[in-house]
Amino acid sequence: MSWRTKVRAAIVSMPILMAGPALAADDPAVLKDLTAVIALQGQPCGQVVTATKQGDNDYAVACKDGSRYRVFVNAEGRVVVQKQ
């Protein structure tokens, strides 16, 4: 493969690789799961409308009612919902 072909392949693949995690966070199944997690923790939300993946099992969440949370798994393996 020539140098130019390698550079073109890298340029084309970078946006696709970078968009993958962002697209997964707004998957309807993920939003539904995060809504359930927040409700089970007794926090008001209604419905999660956006979720931004910040790391493995770590999301910044915005709810329909305007509430914002960080939902993550702590070192002990417990799910934590922090109001932001």
PDB file of N, CA and C in Angstrom:
ATOM      1  N   MET A   1       0.850  -1.171   0.000  1.00  0.00           N
ATOM      2  CA  MET A   1       0.000   0.000   0.000  1.00  0.00           C
ATOM      3  C   MET A   1       0.898   1.237   0.000  1.00  0.00           C
ATOM      4  N   SER A   2       0.559   2.184  -0.853  1.00  0.00           N
ATOM      5  CA  SER A   2       1.376   3.386  -0.943  1.00  0.00           C
ATOM      6  C   SER A   2       1.135   4.299   0.260  1.00  0.00           C
ATOM      7  N   TRP A   3       2.042   5.234   0.442  1.00  0.00           N
ATOM      8  CA  TRP A   3       1.946   6.176   1.558  1.00  0.00           C
ATOM      9  C   TRP A   3       0.661   6.985   1.469  1.00  0.00           C
ATOM     10  N   ARG A   4       0.315   7.452   0.275  1.00  0.00           N
ATOM     11  CA  ARG A   4      -0.897   8.261   0.090  1.00  0.00           C
ATOM     12  C   ARG A   4      -2.154   7.451   0.402  1.00  0.00           C
ATOM     13  N   THR A   5      -2.169   6.199   0.017  1.00  0.00           N
ATOM     14  CA  THR A   5      -3.325   5.347   0.295  1.00  0.00           C
ATOM     15  C   THR A   5      -3.490   5.147   1.792  1.00  0.00           C
ATOM     16  N   LYS A   6      -2.392   4.970   2.503  1.00  0.00           N
ATOM     17  CA  LYS A   6      -2.448   4.810   3.960  1.00  0.00           C
ATOM     18  C   LYS A   6      -2.987   6.078   4.629  1.00  0.00           C
ATOM     19  N   VAL A   7      -2.531   7.226   4.173  1.00  0.00           N
ATOM     20  CA  VAL A   7      -2.991   8.496   4.738  1.00  0.00           C
ATOM     21  C   VAL A   7      -4.479   8.681   4.469  1.00  0.00           C
ATOM     22  N   ARG A   8      -4.908   8.390   3.253  1.00  0.00           N
ATOM     23  CA  ARG A   8      -6.335   8.512   2.921  1.00  0.00           C
ATOM     24  C   ARG A   8      -7.181   7.573   3.779  1.00  0.00           C
ATOM     25  N   ALA A   9      -6.713   6.351   3.956  1.00  0.00           N
ATOM     26  CA  ALA A   9      -7.453   5.384   4.777  1.00  0.00           C
ATOM     27  C   ALA A   9      -7.562   5.876   6.219  1.00  0.00           C
ATOM     28  N   ALA A  10      -6.493   6.454   6.741  1.00  0.00           N
ATOM     29  CA  ALA A  10      -6.516   6.973   8.111  1.00  0.00           C
ATOM     30  C   ALA A  10      -7.483   8.150   8.232  1.00  0.00           C
ATOM     31  N   ILE A  11      -7.476   9.034   7.254  1.00  0.00           N
ATOM     32  CA  ILE A  11      -8.363  10.201   7.286  1.00  0.00           C
ATOM     33  C   ILE A  11      -9.824   9.773   7.209  1.00  0.00           C
ATOM     34  N   VAL A  12     -10.119   8.806   6.374  1.00  0.00           N
ATOM     35  CA  VAL A  12     -11.498   8.340   6.216  1.00  0.00           C
ATOM     36  C   VAL A  12     -11.968   7.578   7.448  1.00  0.00           C
ATOM     37  N   SER A  13     -11.101   6.794   8.058  1.00  0.00           N
ATOM     38  CA  SER A  13     -11.526   5.944   9.184  1.00  0.00           C
ATOM     39  C   SER A  13     -11.615   6.689  10.512  1.00  0.00           C
ATOM     40  N   MET A  14     -10.908   7.776  10.701  1.00  0.00           N
ATOM     41  CA  MET A  14     -10.915   8.474  11.992  1.00  0.00           C
ATOM     42  C   MET A  14     -12.300   8.966  12.409  1.00  0.00           C
ATOM     43  N   PRO A  15     -13.056   9.663  11.561  1.00  0.00           N
ATOM     44  CA  PRO A  15     -14.389  10.105  11.999  1.00  0.00           C
ATOM     45  C   PRO A  15     -15.317   8.941  12.331  1.00  0.00           C
ATOM     46  N   ILE A  16     -15.187   7.859  11.597  1.00  0.00           N
ATOM     47  CA  ILE A  16     -16.026   6.687  11.853  1.00  0.00           C
ATOM     48  C   ILE A  16     -15.687   6.090  13.213  1.00  0.00           C
ATOM     49  N   LEU A  17     -14.413   5.964  13.515  1.00  0.00           N
ATOM     50  CA  LEU A  17     -13.996   5.400  14.803  1.00  0.00           C
ATOM     51  C   LEU A  17     -14.354   6.313  15.964  1.00  0.00           C
ATOM     52  N   MET A  18     -14.259   7.614  15.763  1.00  0.00           N
ATOM     53  CA  MET A  18     -14.565   8.561  16.834  1.00  0.00           C
ATOM     54  C   MET A  18     -16.066   8.660  17.077  1.00  0.00           C
ATOM     55  N   ALA A  19     -16.885   8.470  16.059  1.00  0.00           N
ATOM     56  CA  ALA A  19     -18.337   8.591  16.194  1.00  0.00           C
ATOM     57  C   ALA A  19     -18.963   7.354  16.812  1.00  0.00           C
ATOM     58  N   GLY A  20     -18.304   6.222  16.778  1.00  0.00           N
ATOM     59  CA  GLY A  20     -18.867   4.978  17.295  1.00  0.00           C
ATOM     60  C   GLY A  20     -19.363   5.071  18.721  1.00  0.00           C
ATOM     61  N   PRO A  21     -18.541   5.480  19.695  1.00  0.00           N
ATOM     62  CA  PRO A  21     -19.023   5.579  21.076  1.00  0.00           C
ATOM     63  C   PRO A  21     -20.129   6.612  21.261  1.00  0.00           C
ATOM     64  N   ALA A  22     -20.073   7.715  20.535  1.00  0.00           N
ATOM     65  CA  ALA A  22     -21.111   8.736  20.675  1.00  0.00           C
ATOM     66  C   ALA A  22     -22.451   8.225  20.167  1.00  0.00           C
ATOM     67  N   LEU A  23     -22.441   7.477  19.078  1.00  0.00           N
ATOM     68  CA  LEU A  23     -23.682   6.935  18.543  1.00  0.00           C
ATOM     69  C   LEU A  23     -24.269   5.900  19.482  1.00  0.00           C
ATOM     70  N   ALA A  24     -23.423   5.102  20.103  1.00  0.00           N
ATOM     71  CA  ALA A  24     -23.911   4.053  21.002  1.00  0.00           C
ATOM     72  C   ALA A  24     -24.609   4.644  22.212  1.00  0.00           C
ATOM     73  N   ALA A  25     -24.161   5.797  22.678  1.00  0.00           N
ATOM     74  CA  ALA A  25     -24.762   6.394  23.871  1.00  0.00           C
ATOM     75  C   ALA A  25     -26.191   6.847  23.625  1.00  0.00           C
ATOM     76  N   ASP A  26     -26.531   7.253  22.411  1.00  0.00           N
ATOM     77  CA  ASP A  26     -27.891   7.692  22.109  1.00  0.00           C
ATOM     78  C   ASP A  26     -28.755   6.567  21.554  1.00  0.00           C
ATOM     79  N   ASP A  27     -28.299   5.335  21.675  1.00  0.00           N
ATOM     80  CA  ASP A  27     -29.084   4.169  21.294  1.00  0.00           C
ATOM     81  C   ASP A  27     -30.321   4.107  22.189  1.00  0.00           C
ATOM     82  N   PRO A  28     -31.516   3.932  21.624  1.00  0.00           N
ATOM     83  CA  PRO A  28     -32.736   3.904  22.441  1.00  0.00           C
ATOM     84  C   PRO A  28     -32.700   2.884  23.579  1.00  0.00           C
ATOM     85  N   ALA A  29     -32.054   1.754  23.368  1.00  0.00           N
ATOM     86  CA  ALA A  29     -31.960   0.746  24.429  1.00  0.00           C
ATOM     87  C   ALA A  29     -31.120   1.255  25.594  1.00  0.00           C
ATOM     88  N   VAL A  30     -30.034   1.973  25.293  1.00  0.00           N
ATOM     89  CA  VAL A  30     -29.177   2.535  26.346  1.00  0.00           C
ATOM     90  C   VAL A  30     -29.938   3.615  27.109  1.00  0.00           C
ATOM     91  N   LEU A  31     -30.664   4.471  26.394  1.00  0.00           N
ATOM     92  CA  LEU A  31     -31.440   5.526  27.050  1.00  0.00           C
ATOM     93  C   LEU A  31     -32.502   4.927  27.966  1.00  0.00           C
ATOM     94  N   LYS A  32     -33.146   3.865  27.518  1.00  0.00           N
ATOM     95  CA  LYS A  32     -34.172   3.197  28.325  1.00  0.00           C
ATOM     96  C   LYS A  32     -33.550   2.570  29.575  1.00  0.00           C
ATOM     97  N   ASP A  33     -32.394   1.923  29.410  1.00  0.00           N
ATOM     98  CA  ASP A  33     -31.705   1.318  30.558  1.00  0.00           C
ATOM     99  C   ASP A  33     -31.287   2.378  31.572  1.00  0.00           C
ATOM    100  N   LEU A  34     -30.765   3.501  31.102  1.00  0.00           N
ATOM    101  CA  LEU A  34     -30.355   4.569  32.011  1.00  0.00           C
ATOM    102  C   LEU A  34     -31.557   5.173  32.732  1.00  0.00           C
ATOM    103  N   THR A  35     -32.686   5.290  32.037  1.00  0.00           N
ATOM    104  CA  THR A  35     -33.919   5.768  32.674  1.00  0.00           C
ATOM    105  C   THR A  35     -34.309   4.844  33.818  1.00  0.00           C
ATOM    106  N   ALA A  36     -34.234   3.542  33.583  1.00  0.00           N
ATOM    107  CA  ALA A  36     -34.581   2.559  34.612  1.00  0.00           C
ATOM    108  C   ALA A  36     -33.619   2.624  35.792  1.00  0.00           C
ATOM    109  N   VAL A  37     -32.330   2.769  35.522  1.00  0.00           N
ATOM    110  CA  VAL A  37     -31.325   2.839  36.593  1.00  0.00           C
ATOM    111  C   VAL A  37     -31.583   4.053  37.482  1.00  0.00           C
ATOM    112  N   ILE A  38     -31.857   5.198  36.875  1.00  0.00           N
ATOM    113  CA  ILE A  38     -32.107   6.419  37.647  1.00  0.00           C
ATOM    114  C   ILE A  38     -33.363   6.263  38.496  1.00  0.00           C
ATOM    115  N   ALA A  39     -34.415   5.683  37.928  1.00  0.00           N
ATOM    116  CA  ALA A  39     -35.661   5.466  38.674  1.00  0.00           C
ATOM    117  C   ALA A  39     -35.443   4.499  39.833  1.00  0.00           C
ATOM    118  N   LEU A  40     -34.683   3.438  39.614  1.00  0.00           N
ATOM    119  CA  LEU A  40     -34.418   2.463  40.679  1.00  0.00           C
ATOM    120  C   LEU A  40     -33.602   3.062  41.820  1.00  0.00           C
ATOM    121  N   GLN A  41     -32.831   4.103  41.525  1.00  0.00           N
ATOM    122  CA  GLN A  41     -32.058   4.793  42.561  1.00  0.00           C
ATOM    123  C   GLN A  41     -32.902   5.849  43.273  1.00  0.00           C
ATOM    124  N   GLY A  42     -34.169   5.997  42.851  1.00  0.00           N
ATOM    125  CA  GLY A  42     -35.083   6.926  43.515  1.00  0.00           C
ATOM    126  C   GLY A  42     -34.901   8.382  43.132  1.00  0.00           C
ATOM    127  N   GLN A  43     -34.275   8.631  42.002  1.00  0.00           N
ATOM    128  CA  GLN A  43     -34.041  10.004  41.556  1.00  0.00           C
ATOM    129  C   GLN A  43     -35.099  10.409  40.524  1.00  0.00           C
ATOM    130  N   PRO A  44     -35.538  11.677  40.532  1.00  0.00           N
ATOM    131  CA  PRO A  44     -36.508  12.126  39.532  1.00  0.00           C
ATOM    132  C   PRO A  44     -35.841  12.313  38.168  1.00  0.00           C
ATOM    133  N   CYS A  45     -36.531  11.889  37.138  1.00  0.00           N
ATOM    134  CA  CYS A  45     -36.002  12.055  35.788  1.00  0.00           C
ATOM    135  C   CYS A  45     -37.125  12.059  34.763  1.00  0.00           C
ATOM    136  N   GLY A  46     -37.995  11.100  34.835  1.00  0.00           N
ATOM    137  CA  GLY A  46     -39.037  10.941  33.829  1.00  0.00           C
ATOM    138  C   GLY A  46     -38.536  10.075  32.702  1.00  0.00           C
ATOM    139  N   GLN A  47     -37.683  10.653  31.849  1.00  0.00           N
ATOM    140  CA  GLN A  47     -37.131   9.917  30.720  1.00  0.00           C
ATOM    141  C   GLN A  47     -35.786  10.524  30.351  1.00  0.00           C
ATOM    142  N   VAL A  48     -34.804   9.672  30.086  1.00  0.00           N
ATOM    143  CA  VAL A  48     -33.498  10.138  29.627  1.00  0.00           C
ATOM    144  C   VAL A  48     -33.624  10.509  28.154  1.00  0.00           C
ATOM    145  N   VAL A  49     -33.199  11.727  27.815  1.00  0.00           N
ATOM    146  CA  VAL A  49     -33.279  12.175  26.424  1.00  0.00           C
ATOM    147  C   VAL A  49     -31.919  12.165  25.731  1.00  0.00           C
ATOM    148  N   THR A  50     -30.842  12.393  26.487  1.00  0.00           N
ATOM    149  CA  THR A  50     -29.498  12.291  25.913  1.00  0.00           C
ATOM    150  C   THR A  50     -28.565  11.660  26.928  1.00  0.00           C
ATOM    151  N   ALA A  51     -27.594  10.930  26.400  1.00  0.00           N
ATOM    152  CA  ALA A  51     -26.570  10.316  27.242  1.00  0.00           C
ATOM    153  C   ALA A  51     -25.249  10.377  26.491  1.00  0.00           C
ATOM    154  N   THR A  52     -24.236  10.894  27.162  1.00  0.00           N
ATOM    155  CA  THR A  52     -22.911  10.984  26.575  1.00  0.00           C
ATOM    156  C   THR A  52     -21.999  10.032  27.322  1.00  0.00           C
ATOM    157  N   LYS A  53     -21.414   9.099  26.592  1.00  0.00           N
ATOM    158  CA  LYS A  53     -20.524   8.125  27.219  1.00  0.00           C
ATOM    159  C   LYS A  53     -19.197   8.803  27.538  1.00  0.00           C
ATOM    160  N   GLN A  54     -18.809   8.748  28.823  1.00  0.00           N
ATOM    161  CA  GLN A  54     -17.562   9.375  29.258  1.00  0.00           C
ATOM    162  C   GLN A  54     -16.458   8.354  29.472  1.00  0.00           C
ATOM    163  N   GLY A  55     -16.812   7.100  29.558  1.00  0.00           N
ATOM    164  CA  GLY A  55     -15.858   6.022  29.773  1.00  0.00           C
ATOM    165  C   GLY A  55     -16.620   4.719  29.873  1.00  0.00           C
ATOM    166  N   ASP A  56     -15.917   3.658  30.240  1.00  0.00           N
ATOM    167  CA  ASP A  56     -16.589   2.375  30.429  1.00  0.00           C
ATOM    168  C   ASP A  56     -17.570   2.490  31.581  1.00  0.00           C
ATOM    169  N   ASN A  57     -18.833   2.188  31.311  1.00  0.00           N
ATOM    170  CA  ASN A  57     -19.889   2.251  32.331  1.00  0.00           C
ATOM    171  C   ASN A  57     -19.944   3.610  33.027  1.00  0.00           C
ATOM    172  N   ASP A  58     -19.801   4.679  32.266  1.00  0.00           N
ATOM    173  CA  ASP A  58     -19.825   6.041  32.809  1.00  0.00           C
ATOM    174  C   ASP A  58     -20.526   6.955  31.802  1.00  0.00           C
ATOM    175  N   TYR A  59     -21.666   7.523  32.211  1.00  0.00           N
ATOM    176  CA  TYR A  59     -22.477   8.341  31.314  1.00  0.00           C
ATOM    177  C   TYR A  59     -22.851   9.668  31.963  1.00  0.00           C
ATOM    178  N   ALA A  60     -22.871  10.729  31.156  1.00  0.00           N
ATOM    179  CA  ALA A  60     -23.464  12.007  31.538  1.00  0.00           C
ATOM    180  C   ALA A  60     -24.848  12.006  30.903  1.00  0.00           C
ATOM    181  N   VAL A  61     -25.883  12.188  31.740  1.00  0.00           N
ATOM    182  CA  VAL A  61     -27.263  11.987  31.308  1.00  0.00           C
ATOM    183  C   VAL A  61     -28.071  13.267  31.493  1.00  0.00           C
ATOM    184  N   ALA A  62     -28.918  13.573  30.512  1.00  0.00           N
ATOM    185  CA  ALA A  62     -29.879  14.673  30.618  1.00  0.00           C
ATOM    186  C   ALA A  62     -31.280  14.085  30.517  1.00  0.00           C
ATOM    187  N   CYS A  63     -32.145  14.510  31.438  1.00  0.00           N
ATOM    188  CA  CYS A  63     -33.512  13.993  31.499  1.00  0.00           C
ATOM    189  C   CYS A  63     -34.500  14.969  30.879  1.00  0.00           C
ATOM    190  N   LYS A  64     -35.669  14.448  30.573  1.00  0.00           N
ATOM    191  CA  LYS A  64     -36.737  15.244  29.974  1.00  0.00           C
ATOM    192  C   LYS A  64     -37.169  16.382  30.896  1.00  0.00           C
ATOM    193  N   ASP A  65     -37.104  16.161  32.222  1.00  0.00           N
ATOM    194  CA  ASP A  65     -37.523  17.191  33.181  1.00  0.00           C
ATOM    195  C   ASP A  65     -36.429  18.222  33.470  1.00  0.00           C
ATOM    196  N   GLY A  66     -35.280  18.118  32.782  1.00  0.00           N
ATOM    197  CA  GLY A  66     -34.194  19.073  32.957  1.00  0.00           C
ATOM    198  C   GLY A  66     -33.107  18.628  33.920  1.00  0.00           C
ATOM    199  N   SER A  67     -33.334  17.547  34.640  1.00  0.00           N
ATOM    200  CA  SER A  67     -32.327  17.032  35.570  1.00  0.00           C
ATOM    201  C   SER A  67     -31.133  16.483  34.799  1.00  0.00           C
ATOM    202  N   ARG A  68     -29.966  16.584  35.427  1.00  0.00           N
ATOM    203  CA  ARG A  68     -28.739  16.034  34.837  1.00  0.00           C
ATOM    204  C   ARG A  68     -28.062  15.153  35.876  1.00  0.00           C
ATOM    205  N   TYR A  69     -27.550  14.018  35.408  1.00  0.00           N
ATOM    206  CA  TYR A  69     -26.916  13.054  36.297  1.00  0.00           C
ATOM    207  C   TYR A  69     -25.656  12.496  35.665  1.00  0.00           C
ATOM    208  N   ARG A  70     -24.798  11.988  36.528  1.00  0.00           N
ATOM    209  CA  ARG A  70     -23.683  11.147  36.097  1.00  0.00           C
ATOM    210  C   ARG A  70     -24.012   9.756  36.610  1.00  0.00           C
ATOM    211  N   VAL A  71     -24.083   8.798  35.714  1.00  0.00           N
ATOM    212  CA  VAL A  71     -24.382   7.414  36.070  1.00  0.00           C
ATOM    213  C   VAL A  71     -23.135   6.595  35.762  1.00  0.00           C
ATOM    214  N   PHE A  72     -22.602   5.920  36.797  1.00  0.00           N
ATOM    215  CA  PHE A  72     -21.375   5.156  36.608  1.00  0.00           C
ATOM    216  C   PHE A  72     -21.312   3.993  37.581  1.00  0.00           C
ATOM    217  N   VAL A  73     -20.366   3.099  37.339  1.00  0.00           N
ATOM    218  CA  VAL A  73     -20.117   1.977  38.240  1.00  0.00           C
ATOM    219  C   VAL A  73     -18.850   2.310  39.021  1.00  0.00           C
ATOM    220  N   ASN A  74     -18.958   2.289  40.369  1.00  0.00           N
ATOM    221  CA  ASN A  74     -17.803   2.646  41.198  1.00  0.00           C
ATOM    222  C   ASN A  74     -16.840   1.467  41.350  1.00  0.00           C
ATOM    223  N   ALA A  75     -15.781   1.659  42.124  1.00  0.00           N
ATOM    224  CA  ALA A  75     -14.745   0.643  42.299  1.00  0.00           C
ATOM    225  C   ALA A  75     -15.273  -0.633  42.941  1.00  0.00           C
ATOM    226  N   GLU A  76     -16.331  -0.515  43.742  1.00  0.00           N
ATOM    227  CA  GLU A  76     -16.915  -1.692  44.393  1.00  0.00           C
ATOM    228  C   GLU A  76     -17.898  -2.422  43.476  1.00  0.00           C
ATOM    229  N   GLY A  77     -18.118  -1.906  42.285  1.00  0.00           N
ATOM    230  CA  GLY A  77     -19.034  -2.541  41.342  1.00  0.00           C
ATOM    231  C   GLY A  77     -20.481  -2.120  41.504  1.00  0.00           C
ATOM    232  N   ARG A  78     -20.731  -1.075  42.275  1.00  0.00           N
ATOM    233  CA  ARG A  78     -22.093  -0.579  42.485  1.00  0.00           C
ATOM    234  C   ARG A  78     -22.405   0.556  41.515  1.00  0.00           C
ATOM    235  N   VAL A  79     -23.658   0.592  41.080  1.00  0.00           N
ATOM    236  CA  VAL A  79     -24.102   1.670  40.198  1.00  0.00           C
ATOM    237  C   VAL A  79     -24.380   2.902  41.046  1.00  0.00           C
ATOM    238  N   VAL A  80     -23.823   4.038  40.630  1.00  0.00           N
ATOM    239  CA  VAL A  80     -23.981   5.295  41.351  1.00  0.00           C
ATOM    240  C   VAL A  80     -24.650   6.302  40.414  1.00  0.00           C
ATOM    241  N   VAL A  81     -25.636   7.028  40.943  1.00  0.00           N
ATOM    242  CA  VAL A  81     -26.299   8.102  40.205  1.00  0.00           C
ATOM    243  C   VAL A  81     -26.035   9.392  40.977  1.00  0.00           C
ATOM    244  N   GLN A  82     -25.223  10.280  40.393  1.00  0.00           N
ATOM    245  CA  GLN A  82     -24.883  11.554  41.034  1.00  0.00           C
ATOM    246  C   GLN A  82     -25.601  12.691  40.322  1.00  0.00           C
ATOM    247  N   LYS A  83     -26.305  13.517  41.093  1.00  0.00           N
ATOM    248  CA  LYS A  83     -26.962  14.703  40.531  1.00  0.00           C
ATOM    249  C   LYS A  83     -25.878  15.704  40.142  1.00  0.00           C
ATOM    250  N   GLN A  84     -26.013  16.297  38.982  1.00  0.00           N
ATOM    251  CA  GLN A  84     -25.027  17.268  38.495  1.00  0.00           C
ATOM    252  C   GLN A  84     -25.572  18.671  38.581  1.00  0.00           C
TER     253      GLN A  84
END
